[in-house]
Amino acid sequence: MHSTEFSKIWHKILKDYKLHMDSKLAPTLTDAQLTVLELLQERDAMKPSDLAPHLATSPAAVTMLLDRMEKHNLIIRERDASDRRIVWVSITETGKNETSRGLKIRSDFFAEALDPISSHNQQLLLYLMGKMAVAPAPAPEGSTP
């Protein structure tokens, strides 16, 4: 079955990516923090609860992540003027600079990984991965559609 072979290759790519990002982003940034900064740069300000689905983690973990980011002046948290229960997270200038640095590091990694593959096959790979990304999740064992 191709799934076992795919799993091994996918795991190696993810491991290589994580090692590369961890070493190149350190000590001021992590890959999860880069994800948060990207989202904030696109949307100006977000509530912490809106970040959790993008990070596939718990609200408590998001709070800890934001604490570290605020300590390093990557983000600021402010209470909503009309509803003090709401907290808005936004990116700082330092955060914007770190986002640019992080995106270049990520881009360089993938450019190097894709370099041995022809332009035509890169397009094919993107097409196939796009198909995988929108494929419906398999139904759990024993369930009926």
Protein backbone atom coordinates (compact mmCIF):
# COMPACT_ATOMS: atom_id res chain seq x y z
CA MET A 1 0.00 0.00 0.00
CA HIS A 2 1.27 3.45 -0.88
CA SER A 3 0.02 4.98 2.37
CA THR A 4 2.89 3.46 4.38
CA GLU A 5 5.49 4.78 1.96
CA PHE A 6 3.75 8.17 1.87
CA SER A 7 3.64 8.26 5.67
CA LYS A 8 7.40 7.67 5.94
CA ILE A 9 8.23 10.38 3.39
CA TRP A 10 5.74 12.83 4.91
CA HIS A 11 7.16 12.24 8.40
CA LYS A 12 10.72 12.87 7.15
CA ILE A 13 9.70 16.11 5.41
CA LEU A 14 7.91 17.35 8.54
CA LYS A 15 10.86 16.39 10.76
CA ASP A 16 13.34 18.16 8.45
CA TYR A 17 11.06 21.21 8.29
CA LYS A 18 10.68 21.36 12.07
CA LEU A 19 14.42 21.01 12.71
CA HIS A 20 15.21 23.67 10.11
CA MET A 21 12.61 26.13 11.42
CA ASP A 22 13.48 25.55 15.08
CA SER A 23 17.19 26.17 14.48
CA LYS A 24 16.83 29.14 12.09
CA LEU A 25 14.04 30.96 13.98
CA ALA A 26 15.69 30.60 17.40
CA PRO A 27 16.10 32.24 19.81
CA THR A 28 13.45 34.91 19.20
CA LEU A 29 10.73 32.95 17.38
CA THR A 30 9.08 29.54 17.03
CA ASP A 31 7.10 28.12 14.11
CA ALA A 32 3.82 28.42 16.09
CA GLN A 33 4.63 32.05 16.88
CA LEU A 34 5.31 32.67 13.19
CA THR A 35 1.86 31.29 12.39
CA VAL A 36 0.29 33.71 14.89
CA LEU A 37 2.26 36.64 13.50
CA GLU A 38 1.23 35.77 9.92
CA LEU A 39 -2.44 35.70 10.93
CA LEU A 40 -2.15 39.01 12.79
CA GLN A 41 -0.36 40.66 9.89
CA GLU A 42 -3.21 39.60 7.57
CA ARG A 43 -6.04 40.57 9.93
CA ASP A 44 -4.68 43.41 12.09
CA ALA A 45 -6.18 42.15 15.37
CA MET A 46 -7.71 38.89 16.56
CA LYS A 47 -9.16 37.41 19.71
CA PRO A 48 -7.04 34.64 21.30
CA SER A 49 -9.94 32.21 20.85
CA ASP A 50 -9.80 32.82 17.08
CA LEU A 51 -6.14 31.74 16.99
CA ALA A 52 -6.65 28.27 18.54
CA PRO A 53 -8.08 26.55 15.41
CA HIS A 54 -5.09 27.72 13.35
CA LEU A 55 -2.67 26.25 15.87
CA ALA A 56 -4.50 22.97 16.61
CA THR A 57 -3.99 23.48 20.34
CA SER A 58 -5.90 24.30 23.50
CA PRO A 59 -6.94 27.79 24.63
CA ALA A 60 -4.59 27.45 27.63
CA ALA A 61 -1.65 26.70 25.31
CA VAL A 62 -2.57 29.73 23.16
CA THR A 63 -2.52 31.92 26.28
CA MET A 64 0.95 30.63 27.22
CA LEU A 65 2.17 31.19 23.64
CA LEU A 66 0.81 34.76 23.65
CA ASP A 67 2.42 35.41 27.07
CA ARG A 68 5.83 34.50 25.61
CA MET A 69 5.20 36.56 22.48
CA GLU A 70 4.15 39.60 24.50
CA LYS A 71 7.24 39.25 26.70
CA HIS A 72 9.40 39.39 23.53
CA ASN A 73 7.46 42.42 22.21
CA LEU A 74 6.10 40.51 19.20
CA ILE A 75 2.45 41.27 20.03
CA ILE A 76 0.36 43.48 22.26
CA ARG A 77 -2.88 42.56 24.00
CA GLU A 78 -5.51 45.19 24.64
CA ARG A 79 -8.98 45.07 26.19
CA ASP A 80 -11.88 46.04 23.94
CA ALA A 81 -13.04 49.60 24.68
CA SER A 82 -16.75 48.71 24.72
CA ASP A 83 -16.56 45.19 26.20
CA ARG A 84 -13.69 44.72 28.68
CA ARG A 85 -14.14 40.92 28.58
CA ILE A 86 -12.78 40.87 25.02
CA VAL A 87 -9.02 40.94 24.47
CA TRP A 88 -7.57 41.91 21.10
CA VAL A 89 -4.14 40.68 20.03
CA SER A 90 -2.19 42.72 17.49
CA ILE A 91 1.29 42.65 15.98
CA THR A 92 4.07 45.09 16.91
CA GLU A 93 6.80 46.50 14.66
CA THR A 94 9.18 43.93 16.17
CA GLY A 95 6.62 41.26 15.32
CA LYS A 96 6.37 42.50 11.72
CA ASN A 97 10.16 42.38 11.37
CA GLU A 98 10.27 38.86 12.81
CA THR A 99 7.43 37.80 10.48
CA SER A 100 9.45 38.94 7.45
CA ARG A 101 12.51 37.08 8.73
CA GLY A 102 10.51 33.93 9.47
CA LEU A 103 8.74 33.89 6.11
CA LYS A 104 12.08 34.18 4.32
CA ILE A 105 13.45 31.26 6.34
CA ARG A 106 10.38 29.17 5.46
CA SER A 107 10.49 30.17 1.81
CA ASP A 108 14.19 29.31 1.56
CA PHE A 109 13.55 25.87 3.08
CA PHE A 110 10.84 25.00 0.56
CA ALA A 111 12.76 26.52 -2.37
CA GLU A 112 15.71 24.26 -1.51
CA ALA A 113 13.44 21.23 -1.04
CA LEU A 114 11.72 21.82 -4.39
CA ASP A 115 14.90 22.73 -6.30
CA PRO A 116 15.64 19.17 -7.55
CA ILE A 117 12.11 18.89 -8.97
CA SER A 118 11.29 20.27 -12.44
CA SER A 119 8.88 23.19 -12.72
CA HIS A 120 6.27 20.91 -14.33
CA ASN A 121 6.53 18.38 -11.51
CA GLN A 122 6.36 21.16 -8.89
CA GLN A 123 3.04 22.22 -10.42
CA LEU A 124 1.87 18.60 -10.39
CA LEU A 125 2.93 18.21 -6.75
CA LEU A 126 0.99 21.35 -5.76
CA TYR A 127 -2.05 20.09 -7.66
CA LEU A 128 -1.93 16.68 -5.96
CA MET A 129 -1.37 18.17 -2.50
CA GLY A 130 -4.30 20.50 -3.11
CA LYS A 131 -6.43 17.43 -3.86
CA MET A 132 -5.29 15.86 -0.58
CA ALA A 133 -6.05 19.03 1.38
CA VAL A 134 -9.69 19.10 0.27
CA ALA A 135 -10.30 15.34 0.36
CA PRO A 136 -13.07 14.39 2.79
CA ALA A 137 -11.90 12.76 6.00
CA PRO A 138 -12.57 9.01 6.12
CA ALA A 139 -15.54 7.98 8.26
CA PRO A 140 -14.66 6.44 11.63
CA GLU A 141 -14.72 2.62 11.80
CA GLY A 142 -18.20 1.24 12.29
CA SER A 143 -20.04 4.44 11.32
CA THR A 144 -22.51 4.62 8.48
CA PRO A 145 -22.68 7.53 6.05
